[in-house]
Amino acid sequence: MLVIDKEFALQLNDAIVLHAIPELDKFWAFNVESGDQYTLNDSAFYLLAQFRNLTKLSTALVEFADHFGIDVETAEEDCLPVLNDYYDQKFFKGGENEK
C-alpha cells in the first residue's frame, strides 16, 4: 500500500494508457502489457491523467480540487483511497512497482 505523503510523487506506469470519449462520457485505462482494461468515471480519469508525468500528490490534489470545485481536504478524502487501489494494481512507476 502506498504510504501517503503529500510530497510523494507518482507517474503512470508506461504500460497504462488512458483513453476518453468525453462527449459520450466514456473513460478507460488500458494495461497494454497484461491486456486488462478498466472503466473509469470522469473524476478517476482526470485524477489519473494528472500523473502522466511525474507529479507530486499535493500538486495533483490541488488541481483535482480546483477542477471539480471542492476543497483540498475533500479531494484528499476522495482521492487517496483510489490512488492506493491504483498503486496496488501497479498503475504507477516506482517503489514496489519497479522490477
Protein backbone atom coordinates (compact mmCIF):
# COMPACT_ATOMS: atom_id res chain seq x y z
CA MET A 1 0.00 0.00 0.00
CA LEU A 2 1.14 3.50 -0.78
CA VAL A 3 2.45 5.48 2.17
CA ILE A 4 0.57 8.76 1.94
CA ASP A 5 2.81 11.78 1.94
CA LYS A 6 1.77 14.90 0.08
CA GLU A 7 5.30 15.33 -1.24
CA PHE A 8 5.34 11.79 -2.66
CA ALA A 9 5.47 11.85 -6.47
CA LEU A 10 3.84 9.37 -8.82
CA GLN A 11 3.95 8.70 -12.54
CA LEU A 12 1.79 6.34 -14.56
CA ASN A 13 3.43 3.09 -15.50
CA ASP A 14 4.41 3.01 -19.19
CA ALA A 15 2.01 0.09 -19.68
CA ILE A 16 -1.02 2.17 -18.63
CA VAL A 17 -2.75 4.02 -21.45
CA LEU A 18 -5.66 6.38 -20.80
CA HIS A 19 -8.40 6.90 -23.36
CA ALA A 20 -11.50 9.08 -23.26
CA ILE A 21 -14.52 9.88 -25.37
CA PRO A 22 -15.80 12.79 -23.26
CA GLU A 23 -18.80 13.56 -25.45
CA LEU A 24 -20.08 10.05 -24.67
CA ASP A 25 -18.93 10.24 -21.03
CA LYS A 26 -16.71 7.15 -21.56
CA PHE A 27 -13.27 6.82 -19.94
CA TRP A 28 -10.83 3.91 -19.76
CA ALA A 29 -7.40 2.85 -18.62
CA PHE A 30 -5.73 0.01 -20.51
CA ASN A 31 -2.76 -2.05 -19.40
CA VAL A 32 -1.13 -2.81 -22.74
CA GLU A 33 1.14 -5.44 -21.18
CA SER A 34 -1.49 -7.53 -19.39
CA GLY A 35 -4.47 -6.70 -21.62
CA ASP A 36 -6.51 -5.58 -18.60
CA GLN A 37 -8.93 -2.73 -19.13
CA TYR A 38 -10.59 -0.53 -16.55
CA THR A 39 -13.73 1.53 -16.99
CA LEU A 40 -13.33 4.89 -15.26
CA ASN A 41 -15.60 7.77 -14.43
CA ASP A 42 -14.70 11.35 -15.29
CA SER A 43 -13.11 12.10 -11.91
CA ALA A 44 -10.96 8.92 -11.87
CA PHE A 45 -9.81 9.66 -15.42
CA TYR A 46 -8.96 13.26 -14.51
CA LEU A 47 -7.07 12.10 -11.41
CA LEU A 48 -5.00 9.51 -13.30
CA ALA A 49 -4.28 11.99 -16.09
CA GLN A 50 -2.54 14.21 -13.52
CA PHE A 51 0.17 11.55 -13.31
CA ARG A 52 1.08 11.23 -16.98
CA ASN A 53 4.29 12.95 -15.91
CA LEU A 54 5.98 12.64 -12.54
CA THR A 55 3.75 14.72 -10.25
CA LYS A 56 3.62 15.35 -6.52
CA LEU A 57 0.44 14.20 -4.78
CA SER A 58 -0.01 17.68 -3.32
CA THR A 59 0.01 19.25 -6.79
CA ALA A 60 -2.42 16.69 -8.22
CA LEU A 61 -4.83 17.09 -5.31
CA VAL A 62 -4.90 20.89 -5.66
CA GLU A 63 -5.52 20.56 -9.42
CA PHE A 64 -8.28 18.00 -8.79
CA ALA A 65 -9.93 20.20 -6.16
CA ASP A 66 -9.80 23.26 -8.42
CA HIS A 67 -11.17 21.35 -11.42
CA PHE A 68 -14.13 19.88 -9.52
CA GLY A 69 -14.80 22.93 -7.32
CA ILE A 70 -14.15 21.22 -3.99
CA ASP A 71 -11.76 21.91 -1.13
CA VAL A 72 -8.41 20.14 -0.96
CA GLU A 73 -9.36 18.22 2.20
CA THR A 74 -12.35 16.67 0.40
CA ALA A 75 -10.13 15.88 -2.58
CA GLU A 76 -7.70 14.09 -0.26
CA GLU A 77 -10.50 12.07 1.36
CA ASP A 78 -11.89 11.09 -2.03
CA CYS A 79 -8.68 10.57 -4.00
CA LEU A 80 -6.18 8.97 -1.64
CA PRO A 81 -8.06 5.65 -1.26
CA VAL A 82 -8.48 5.49 -5.04
CA LEU A 83 -4.79 6.20 -5.60
CA ASN A 84 -3.92 3.47 -3.09
CA ASP A 85 -6.01 0.99 -5.10
CA TYR A 86 -4.40 2.05 -8.38
CA TYR A 87 -0.96 1.86 -6.80
CA ASP A 88 -1.66 -1.68 -5.60
CA GLN A 89 -2.76 -2.57 -9.15
CA LYS A 90 0.63 -1.32 -10.41
CA PHE A 91 -0.68 1.70 -12.30
CA PHE A 92 2.37 3.69 -11.18
CA LYS A 93 6.15 3.53 -11.59
CA GLY A 94 8.45 3.39 -8.62
CA GLY A 95 8.58 1.79 -5.22
CA GLU A 96 7.21 -1.74 -5.14
CA ASN A 97 6.24 -1.50 -8.81
CA GLU A 98 9.82 -1.40 -10.06
CA LYS A 99 11.39 -4.67 -11.12
